Amino acid sequence: EKLVGGSNTKFVSNITDKTYARIDGGESAPG
């Protein structure tokens, strides 16, 4: 729940697989 990506993408409880397992690219490529 406290995880935040480098461009401030916050954890989303229904996205817990590899979908956001990337370097945070902001709104266009959240991670």
Full PDB file with SEQRES, HELIX, SHEET, SSBOND, CRYST1, ORIGX, SCALE, CONECT and MASTER records, all heavy atoms in Angstrom:
SEQRES   1 A   31  GLU LYS LEU VAL GLY GLY SER ASN THR LYS PHE VAL SER          
SEQRES   2 A   31  ASN ILE THR ASP LYS THR TYR ALA ARG ILE ASP GLY GLY          
SEQRES   3 A   31  GLU SER ALA PRO GLY                                          
HELIX    1 AA1 LYS A   18  TYR A   20  5                                   3    
HELIX    2 AA2 GLY A   26  SER A   28  5                                   3    
CRYST1    1.000    1.000    1.000  90.00  90.00  90.00 P 1           1          
ORIGX1      1.000000  0.000000  0.000000        0.00000                         
ORIGX2      0.000000  1.000000  0.000000        0.00000                         
ORIGX3      0.000000  0.000000  1.000000        0.00000                         
SCALE1      1.000000  0.000000  0.000000        0.00000                         
SCALE2      0.000000  1.000000  0.000000        0.00000                         
SCALE3      0.000000  0.000000  1.000000        0.00000                         
ATOM      1  N   GLU A   1       0.783  -1.232   0.000  1.00  0.00           N  
ATOM      2  CA  GLU A   1       0.000   0.000   0.000  1.00  0.00           C  
ATOM      3  C   GLU A   1       0.817   1.285   0.000  1.00  0.00           C  
ATOM      4  O   GLU A   1       0.356   2.316  -0.471  1.00  0.00           O  
ATOM      5  CB  GLU A   1      -0.951   0.045   1.206  1.00  0.00           C  
ATOM      6  CG  GLU A   1      -2.016  -1.018   1.220  1.00  0.00           C  
ATOM      7  CD  GLU A   1      -1.569  -2.272   1.964  1.00  0.00           C  
ATOM      8  OE1 GLU A   1      -0.460  -2.294   2.547  1.00  0.00           O  
ATOM      9  OE2 GLU A   1      -2.329  -3.259   1.940  1.00  0.00           O  
ATOM     10  N   LYS A   2       2.047   1.268   0.506  1.00  0.00           N  
ATOM     11  CA  LYS A   2       2.859   2.487   0.616  1.00  0.00           C  
ATOM     12  C   LYS A   2       3.818   2.672  -0.558  1.00  0.00           C  
ATOM     13  O   LYS A   2       4.518   3.674  -0.633  1.00  0.00           O  
ATOM     14  CB  LYS A   2       3.647   2.480   1.928  1.00  0.00           C  
ATOM     15  CG  LYS A   2       2.747   2.534   3.148  1.00  0.00           C  
ATOM     16  CD  LYS A   2       3.550   2.530   4.428  1.00  0.00           C  
ATOM     17  CE  LYS A   2       2.631   2.536   5.636  1.00  0.00           C  
ATOM     18  NZ  LYS A   2       3.392   2.473   6.889  1.00  0.00           N  
ATOM     19  N   LEU A   3       3.818   1.732  -1.496  1.00  0.00           N  
ATOM     20  CA  LEU A   3       4.749   1.771  -2.619  1.00  0.00           C  
ATOM     21  C   LEU A   3       4.420   2.919  -3.569  1.00  0.00           C  
ATOM     22  O   LEU A   3       3.268   3.133  -3.946  1.00  0.00           O  
ATOM     23  CB  LEU A   3       4.700   0.444  -3.374  1.00  0.00           C  
ATOM     24  CG  LEU A   3       5.759   0.191  -4.432  1.00  0.00           C  
ATOM     25  CD1 LEU A   3       7.164   0.274  -3.838  1.00  0.00           C  
ATOM     26  CD2 LEU A   3       5.540  -1.167  -5.078  1.00  0.00           C  
ATOM     27  N   VAL A   4       5.465   3.678  -3.939  1.00  0.00           N  
ATOM     28  CA  VAL A   4       5.315   4.816  -4.853  1.00  0.00           C  
ATOM     29  C   VAL A   4       6.469   4.773  -5.857  1.00  0.00           C  
ATOM     30  O   VAL A   4       7.631   4.642  -5.477  1.00  0.00           O  
ATOM     31  CB  VAL A   4       5.356   6.163  -4.082  1.00  0.00           C  
ATOM     32  CG1 VAL A   4       5.234   7.334  -5.047  1.00  0.00           C  
ATOM     33  CG2 VAL A   4       4.256   6.217  -3.036  1.00  0.00           C  
ATOM     34  N   GLY A   5       6.139   4.912  -7.135  1.00  0.00           N  
ATOM     35  CA  GLY A   5       7.156   4.937  -8.177  1.00  0.00           C  
ATOM     36  C   GLY A   5       7.895   6.261  -8.215  1.00  0.00           C  
ATOM     37  O   GLY A   5       7.494   7.239  -7.572  1.00  0.00           O  
ATOM     38  N   GLY A   6       8.967   6.312  -8.970  1.00  0.00           N  
ATOM     39  CA  GLY A   6       9.836   7.476  -9.037  1.00  0.00           C  
ATOM     40  C   GLY A   6       9.197   8.742  -9.580  1.00  0.00           C  
ATOM     41  O   GLY A   6       9.666   9.840  -9.328  1.00  0.00           O  
ATOM     42  N   SER A   7       8.100   8.607 -10.337  1.00  0.00           N  
ATOM     43  CA  SER A   7       7.369   9.778 -10.830  1.00  0.00           C  
ATOM     44  C   SER A   7       6.052   9.958 -10.083  1.00  0.00           C  
ATOM     45  O   SER A   7       5.110  10.545 -10.595  1.00  0.00           O  
ATOM     46  CB  SER A   7       7.108   9.658 -12.338  1.00  0.00           C  
ATOM     47  OG  SER A   7       8.324   9.749 -13.042  1.00  0.00           O  
ATOM     48  N   ASN A   8       6.005   9.377  -8.881  1.00  0.00           N  
ATOM     49  CA  ASN A   8       4.887   9.540  -7.944  1.00  0.00           C  
ATOM     50  C   ASN A   8       3.653   8.693  -8.256  1.00  0.00           C  
ATOM     51  O   ASN A   8       2.557   9.024  -7.816  1.00  0.00           O  
ATOM     52  CB  ASN A   8       4.503  11.014  -7.791  1.00  0.00           C  
ATOM     53  CG  ASN A   8       3.925  11.297  -6.417  1.00  0.00           C  
ATOM     54  OD1 ASN A   8       4.308  10.653  -5.444  1.00  0.00           O  
ATOM     55  ND2 ASN A   8       3.019  12.248  -6.339  1.00  0.00           N  
ATOM     56  N   THR A   9       3.804   7.614  -9.043  1.00  0.00           N  
ATOM     57  CA  THR A   9       2.689   6.695  -9.234  1.00  0.00           C  
ATOM     58  C   THR A   9       2.486   5.928  -7.941  1.00  0.00           C  
ATOM     59  O   THR A   9       3.403   5.277  -7.441  1.00  0.00           O  
ATOM     60  CB  THR A   9       2.955   5.718 -10.393  1.00  0.00           C  
ATOM     61  OG1 THR A   9       3.031   6.453 -11.612  1.00  0.00           O  
ATOM     62  CG2 THR A   9       1.871   4.654 -10.500  1.00  0.00           C  
ATOM     63  N   LYS A  10       1.287   6.018  -7.407  1.00  0.00           N  
ATOM     64  CA  LYS A  10       0.965   5.368  -6.142  1.00  0.00           C  
ATOM     65  C   LYS A  10       0.370   3.982  -6.388  1.00  0.00           C  
ATOM     66  O   LYS A  10      -0.210   3.711  -7.433  1.00  0.00           O  
ATOM     67  CB  LYS A  10       0.007   6.237  -5.345  1.00  0.00           C  
ATOM     68  CG  LYS A  10       0.646   7.532  -4.874  1.00  0.00           C  
ATOM     69  CD  LYS A  10      -0.324   8.393  -4.101  1.00  0.00           C  
ATOM     70  CE  LYS A  10       0.264   9.671  -3.581  1.00  0.00           C  
ATOM     71  NZ  LYS A  10       1.300  10.320  -4.297  1.00  0.00           N  
ATOM     72  N   PHE A  11       0.528   3.120  -5.404  1.00  0.00           N  
ATOM     73  CA  PHE A  11       0.005   1.752  -5.443  1.00  0.00           C  
ATOM     74  C   PHE A  11      -1.493   1.764  -5.740  1.00  0.00           C  
ATOM     75  O   PHE A  11      -2.244   2.558  -5.185  1.00  0.00           O  
ATOM     76  CB  PHE A  11       0.280   1.080  -4.097  1.00  0.00           C  
ATOM     77  CG  PHE A  11      -0.308  -0.291  -3.971  1.00  0.00           C  
ATOM     78  CD1 PHE A  11       0.288  -1.369  -4.584  1.00  0.00           C  
ATOM     79  CD2 PHE A  11      -1.458  -0.492  -3.227  1.00  0.00           C  
ATOM     80  CE1 PHE A  11      -0.248  -2.643  -4.467  1.00  0.00           C  
ATOM     81  CE2 PHE A  11      -2.004  -1.761  -3.090  1.00  0.00           C  
ATOM     82  CZ  PHE A  11      -1.394  -2.832  -3.719  1.00  0.00           C  
ATOM     83  N   VAL A  12      -1.909   0.859  -6.610  1.00  0.00           N  
ATOM     84  CA  VAL A  12      -3.312   0.667  -6.953  1.00  0.00           C  
ATOM     85  C   VAL A  12      -3.661  -0.772  -6.572  1.00  0.00           C  
ATOM     86  O   VAL A  12      -3.040  -1.713  -7.077  1.00  0.00           O  
ATOM     87  CB  VAL A  12      -3.556   0.902  -8.465  1.00  0.00           C  
ATOM     88  CG1 VAL A  12      -5.022   0.716  -8.808  1.00  0.00           C  
ATOM     89  CG2 VAL A  12      -3.065   2.277  -8.881  1.00  0.00           C  
ATOM     90  N   SER A  13      -4.628  -0.938  -5.677  1.00  0.00           N  
ATOM     91  CA  SER A  13      -4.892  -2.258  -5.096  1.00  0.00           C  
ATOM     92  C   SER A  13      -5.303  -3.327  -6.100  1.00  0.00           C  
ATOM     93  O   SER A  13      -5.120  -4.514  -5.833  1.00  0.00           O  
ATOM     94  CB  SER A  13      -5.952  -2.154  -3.999  1.00  0.00           C  
ATOM     95  OG  SER A  13      -7.173  -1.691  -4.540  1.00  0.00           O  
ATOM     96  N   ASN A  14      -5.812  -2.950  -7.263  1.00  0.00           N  
ATOM     97  CA  ASN A  14      -6.196  -3.980  -8.232  1.00  0.00           C  
ATOM     98  C   ASN A  14      -5.137  -4.197  -9.320  1.00  0.00           C  
ATOM     99  O   ASN A  14      -5.369  -4.921 -10.282  1.00  0.00           O  
ATOM    100  CB  ASN A  14      -7.558  -3.667  -8.853  1.00  0.00           C  
ATOM    101  CG  ASN A  14      -7.559  -2.406  -9.682  1.00  0.00           C  
ATOM    102  OD1 ASN A  14      -6.734  -1.520  -9.484  1.00  0.00           O  
ATOM    103  ND2 ASN A  14      -8.493  -2.307 -10.613  1.00  0.00           N  
ATOM    104  N   ILE A  15      -3.958  -3.571  -9.164  1.00  0.00           N  
ATOM    105  CA  ILE A  15      -2.847  -3.800 -10.103  1.00  0.00           C  
ATOM    106  C   ILE A  15      -1.663  -4.319  -9.291  1.00  0.00           C  
ATOM    107  O   ILE A  15      -0.810  -3.571  -8.831  1.00  0.00           O  
ATOM    108  CB  ILE A  15      -2.475  -2.522 -10.877  1.00  0.00           C  
ATOM    109  CG1 ILE A  15      -3.696  -1.987 -11.628  1.00  0.00           C  
ATOM    110  CG2 ILE A  15      -1.330  -2.805 -11.851  1.00  0.00           C  
ATOM    111  CD1 ILE A  15      -3.471  -0.677 -12.341  1.00  0.00           C  
ATOM    112  N   THR A  16      -1.654  -5.631  -9.085  1.00  0.00           N  
ATOM    113  CA  THR A  16      -0.621  -6.237  -8.235  1.00  0.00           C  
ATOM    114  C   THR A  16       0.245  -7.246  -8.980  1.00  0.00           C  
ATOM    115  O   THR A  16       1.062  -7.925  -8.374  1.00  0.00           O  
ATOM    116  CB  THR A  16      -1.256  -6.908  -7.005  1.00  0.00           C  
ATOM    117  OG1 THR A  16      -2.143  -7.944  -7.432  1.00  0.00           O  
ATOM    118  CG2 THR A  16      -2.017  -5.894  -6.156  1.00  0.00           C  
ATOM    119  N   ASP A  17       0.071  -7.336 -10.298  1.00  0.00           N  
ATOM    120  CA  ASP A  17       0.917  -8.224 -11.092  1.00  0.00           C  
ATOM    121  C   ASP A  17       2.038  -7.407 -11.742  1.00  0.00           C  
ATOM    122  O   ASP A  17       2.317  -6.293 -11.312  1.00  0.00           O  
ATOM    123  CB  ASP A  17       0.080  -8.967 -12.138  1.00  0.00           C  
ATOM    124  CG  ASP A  17      -0.551  -8.029 -13.167  1.00  0.00           C  
ATOM    125  OD1 ASP A  17      -0.395  -6.790 -13.060  1.00  0.00           O  
ATOM    126  OD2 ASP A  17      -1.223  -8.540 -14.085  1.00  0.00           O  
ATOM    127  N   LYS A  18       2.651  -7.905 -12.803  1.00  0.00           N  
ATOM    128  CA  LYS A  18       3.799  -7.235 -13.418  1.00  0.00           C  
ATOM    129  C   LYS A  18       3.427  -5.997 -14.242  1.00  0.00           C  
ATOM    130  O   LYS A  18       4.314  -5.309 -14.746  1.00  0.00           O  
ATOM    131  CB  LYS A  18       4.597  -8.212 -14.279  1.00  0.00           C  
ATOM    132  CG  LYS A  18       3.914  -8.593 -15.582  1.00  0.00           C  
ATOM    133  CD  LYS A  18       4.813  -9.466 -16.424  1.00  0.00           C  
ATOM    134  CE  LYS A  18       4.193  -9.718 -17.790  1.00  0.00           C  
ATOM    135  NZ  LYS A  18       5.102 -10.454 -18.662  1.00  0.00           N  
ATOM    136  N   THR A  19       2.156  -5.669 -14.345  1.00  0.00           N  
ATOM    137  CA  THR A  19       1.711  -4.534 -15.147  1.00  0.00           C  
ATOM    138  C   THR A  19       2.482  -3.254 -14.831  1.00  0.00           C  
ATOM    139  O   THR A  19       2.896  -2.533 -15.738  1.00  0.00           O  
ATOM    140  CB  THR A  19       0.195  -4.292 -14.959  1.00  0.00           C  
ATOM    141  OG1 THR A  19      -0.512  -5.490 -15.276  1.00  0.00           O  
ATOM    142  CG2 THR A  19      -0.299  -3.155 -15.826  1.00  0.00           C  
ATOM    143  N   TYR A  20       2.698  -2.950 -13.556  1.00  0.00           N  
ATOM    144  CA  TYR A  20       3.416  -1.747 -13.141  1.00  0.00           C  
ATOM    145  C   TYR A  20       4.824  -2.066 -12.633  1.00  0.00           C  
ATOM    146  O   TYR A  20       5.443  -1.241 -11.973  1.00  0.00           O  
ATOM    147  CB  TYR A  20       2.640  -0.998 -12.066  1.00  0.00           C  
ATOM    148  CG  TYR A  20       1.471  -0.164 -12.567  1.00  0.00           C  
ATOM    149  CD1 TYR A  20       0.993  -0.264 -13.869  1.00  0.00           C  
ATOM    150  CD2 TYR A  20       0.835   0.732 -11.718  1.00  0.00           C  
ATOM    151  CE1 TYR A  20      -0.080   0.497 -14.301  1.00  0.00           C  
ATOM    152  CE2 TYR A  20      -0.238   1.501 -12.148  1.00  0.00           C  
ATOM    153  CZ  TYR A  20      -0.691   1.377 -13.442  1.00  0.00           C  
ATOM    154  OH  TYR A  20      -1.744   2.143 -13.872  1.00  0.00           O  
ATOM    155  N   ALA A  21       5.351  -3.230 -12.969  1.00  0.00           N  
ATOM    156  CA  ALA A  21       6.699  -3.626 -12.549  1.00  0.00           C  
ATOM    157  C   ALA A  21       7.727  -3.047 -13.514  1.00  0.00           C  
ATOM    158  O   ALA A  21       8.466  -3.755 -14.183  1.00  0.00           O  
ATOM    159  CB  ALA A  21       6.822  -5.143 -12.476  1.00  0.00           C  
ATOM    160  N   ARG A  22       7.715  -1.726 -13.600  1.00  0.00           N  
ATOM    161  CA  ARG A  22       8.628  -1.005 -14.488  1.00  0.00           C  
ATOM    162  C   ARG A  22       8.966   0.339 -13.852  1.00  0.00           C  
ATOM    163  O   ARG A  22       8.281   0.803 -12.938  1.00  0.00           O  
ATOM    164  CB  ARG A  22       8.002  -0.793 -15.854  1.00  0.00           C  
ATOM    165  CG  ARG A  22       6.720   0.020 -15.792  1.00  0.00           C  
ATOM    166  CD  ARG A  22       6.121   0.213 -17.164  1.00  0.00           C  
ATOM    167  NE  ARG A  22       4.801   0.817 -17.077  1.00  0.00           N  
ATOM    168  CZ  ARG A  22       3.833   0.619 -17.928  1.00  0.00           C  
ATOM    169  NH1 ARG A  22       4.025  -0.184 -18.954  1.00  0.00           N  
ATOM    170  NH2 ARG A  22       2.678   1.213 -17.787  1.00  0.00           N  
ATOM    171  N   ILE A  23      10.019   0.970 -14.389  1.00  0.00           N  
ATOM    172  CA  ILE A  23      10.390   2.306 -13.916  1.00  0.00           C  
ATOM    173  C   ILE A  23       9.231   3.244 -14.224  1.00  0.00           C  
ATOM    174  O   ILE A  23       8.706   3.260 -15.339  1.00  0.00           O  
ATOM    175  CB  ILE A  23      11.697   2.777 -14.574  1.00  0.00           C  
ATOM    176  CG1 ILE A  23      12.870   1.898 -14.108  1.00  0.00           C  
ATOM    177  CG2 ILE A  23      11.962   4.249 -14.245  1.00  0.00           C  
ATOM    178  CD1 ILE A  23      14.180   2.155 -14.820  1.00  0.00           C  
ATOM    179  N   ASP A  24       8.832   3.988 -13.232  1.00  0.00           N  
ATOM    180  CA  ASP A  24       7.692   4.887 -13.331  1.00  0.00           C  
ATOM    181  C   ASP A  24       7.926   5.963 -14.388  1.00  0.00           C  
ATOM    182  O   ASP A  24       8.870   6.741 -14.303  1.00  0.00           O  
ATOM    183  CB  ASP A  24       7.445   5.535 -11.968  1.00  0.00           C  
ATOM    184  CG  ASP A  24       6.135   6.290 -11.882  1.00  0.00           C  
ATOM    185  OD1 ASP A  24       5.344   6.248 -12.850  1.00  0.00           O  
ATOM    186  OD2 ASP A  24       5.899   6.908 -10.825  1.00  0.00           O  
ATOM    187  N   GLY A  25       7.049   5.995 -15.373  1.00  0.00           N  
ATOM    188  CA  GLY A  25       7.140   6.994 -16.430  1.00  0.00           C  
ATOM    189  C   GLY A  25       6.020   8.012 -16.362  1.00  0.00           C  
ATOM    190  O   GLY A  25       5.694   8.644 -17.365  1.00  0.00           O  
ATOM    191  N   GLY A  26       5.401   8.144 -15.196  1.00  0.00           N  
ATOM    192  CA  GLY A  26       4.321   9.113 -15.041  1.00  0.00           C  
ATOM    193  C   GLY A  26       3.014   8.608 -15.622  1.00  0.00           C  
ATOM    194  O   GLY A  26       2.828   7.413 -15.820  1.00  0.00           O  
ATOM    195  N   GLU A  27       2.122   9.523 -15.923  1.00  0.00           N  
ATOM    196  CA  GLU A  27       0.783   9.158 -16.382  1.00  0.00           C  
ATOM    197  C   GLU A  27       0.776   8.328 -17.662  1.00  0.00           C  
ATOM    198  O   GLU A  27      -0.078   7.469 -17.842  1.00  0.00           O  
ATOM    199  CB  GLU A  27      -0.066  10.414 -16.589  1.00  0.00           C  
ATOM    200  CG  GLU A  27      -0.473  11.079 -15.303  1.00  0.00           C  
ATOM    201  CD  GLU A  27      -1.404  12.266 -15.539  1.00  0.00           C  
ATOM    202  OE1 GLU A  27      -2.141  12.263 -16.546  1.00  0.00           O  
ATOM    203  OE2 GLU A  27      -1.373  13.188 -14.709  1.00  0.00           O  
ATOM    204  N   SER A  28       1.718   8.561 -18.561  1.00  0.00           N  
ATOM    205  CA  SER A  28       1.742   7.829 -19.831  1.00  0.00           C  
ATOM    206  C   SER A  28       2.292   6.410 -19.695  1.00  0.00           C  
ATOM    207  O   SER A  28       2.006   5.556 -20.533  1.00  0.00           O  
ATOM    208  CB  SER A  28       2.544   8.600 -20.876  1.00  0.00           C  
ATOM    209  OG  SER A  28       3.890   8.715 -20.467  1.00  0.00           O  
ATOM    210  N   ALA A  29       3.072   6.145 -18.678  1.00  0.00           N  
ATOM    211  CA  ALA A  29       3.650   4.815 -18.462  1.00  0.00           C  
ATOM    212  C   ALA A  29       3.853   4.594 -16.960  1.00  0.00           C  
ATOM    213  O   ALA A  29       4.975   4.546 -16.471  1.00  0.00           O  
ATOM    214  CB  ALA A  29       4.967   4.670 -19.200  1.00  0.00           C  
ATOM    215  N   PRO A  30       2.746   4.465 -16.210  1.00  0.00           N  
ATOM    216  CA  PRO A  30       2.868   4.334 -14.754  1.00  0.00           C  
ATOM    217  C   PRO A  30       3.620   3.070 -14.337  1.00  0.00           C  
ATOM    218  O   PRO A  30       3.525   2.038 -15.001  1.00  0.00           O  
ATOM    219  CB  PRO A  30       1.422   4.291 -14.273  1.00  0.00           C  
ATOM    220  CG  PRO A  30       0.617   3.925 -15.466  1.00  0.00           C  
ATOM    221  CD  PRO A  30       1.379   4.360 -16.668  1.00  0.00           C  
ATOM    222  N   GLY A  31       4.377   3.192 -13.272  1.00  0.00           N  
ATOM    223  CA  GLY A  31       5.117   2.057 -12.737  1.00  0.00           C  
ATOM    224  C   GLY A  31       5.358   2.237 -11.254  1.00  0.00           C  
ATOM    225  O   GLY A  31       5.302   3.346 -10.735  1.00  0.00           O  
TER     226      GLY A  31                                                      
MASTER        0    0    0    2    0    0    0    6  225    1    0    3          
END                                                                             
